Protein backbone atom coordinates (compact mmCIF):
# COMPACT_ATOMS: atom_id res chain seq x y z
CA MET A 1 -1.81 255.62 -104.98
CA ALA A 2 -1.08 252.21 -103.47
CA HIS A 3 2.34 253.48 -102.47
CA ALA A 4 0.61 256.34 -100.63
CA GLY A 5 -1.53 253.87 -98.68
CA ALA A 6 -4.67 253.64 -100.80
CA HIS A 7 -6.33 250.25 -101.19
CA VAL A 8 -6.46 249.42 -104.89
CA VAL A 9 -9.53 247.36 -105.80
CA SER A 10 -11.40 246.52 -108.97
CA SER A 11 -14.51 248.34 -110.07
CA GLU A 12 -16.40 245.06 -109.71
CA SER A 13 -15.39 244.87 -106.07
CA VAL A 14 -16.65 248.39 -105.44
CA LEU A 15 -20.00 247.60 -107.09
CA PHE A 16 -20.49 244.47 -105.00
CA GLN A 17 -19.51 246.28 -101.80
CA LEU A 18 -22.16 248.90 -102.48
CA THR A 19 -24.85 246.21 -102.35
CA PHE A 20 -23.55 244.95 -98.96
CA ASP A 21 -24.66 241.36 -99.64
CA SER A 22 -26.23 239.07 -102.22
CA LYS A 23 -29.72 239.60 -100.77
CA ASP A 24 -29.80 243.16 -102.09
CA PRO A 25 -32.35 243.45 -104.95
CA LYS A 26 -29.74 245.08 -107.20
CA PHE A 27 -27.12 242.36 -106.65
CA LYS A 28 -28.34 240.13 -109.49
CA GLN A 29 -28.39 243.04 -111.91
CA ILE A 30 -24.87 244.07 -110.97
CA SER A 31 -23.67 240.48 -111.15
CA ALA A 32 -25.12 240.11 -114.65
CA LEU A 33 -23.44 243.33 -115.78
CA VAL A 34 -20.08 242.22 -114.39
CA LYS A 35 -20.34 238.84 -116.13
CA GLU A 36 -21.34 240.53 -119.39
CA PHE A 37 -18.41 242.94 -119.18
CA GLN A 38 -15.93 240.17 -118.38
CA ALA A 39 -17.10 238.12 -121.36
CA ALA A 40 -16.90 241.14 -123.68
CA ALA A 41 -13.49 242.13 -122.34
CA LYS A 42 -11.98 238.77 -123.24
CA THR A 43 -12.73 239.31 -126.92
CA ASN A 44 -11.98 243.04 -127.12
CA GLU A 45 -8.32 243.54 -127.99
CA LEU A 46 -8.61 247.29 -127.53
CA LEU A 47 -9.44 246.78 -123.88
CA PHE A 48 -6.43 244.59 -123.11
CA LYS A 49 -3.06 245.12 -124.74
CA ASN A 50 -1.70 241.76 -123.57
CA LYS A 51 -4.36 239.04 -123.69
CA ALA A 52 -1.79 236.48 -122.48
CA SER A 53 -2.00 237.97 -118.99
CA LEU A 54 -5.67 236.99 -118.64
């Protein structure tokens, strides 16, 4: 898709862009979810095949 001209971004980036800025009431909730996911992802070998790339 990037080769076709699409902008490839992370799901976290999309979530934060939907709130527009940190003053949005949902921003803290989204931020907490992202942090929770990132912490869980570091210990879940099924999620990442090559942990050395982290």
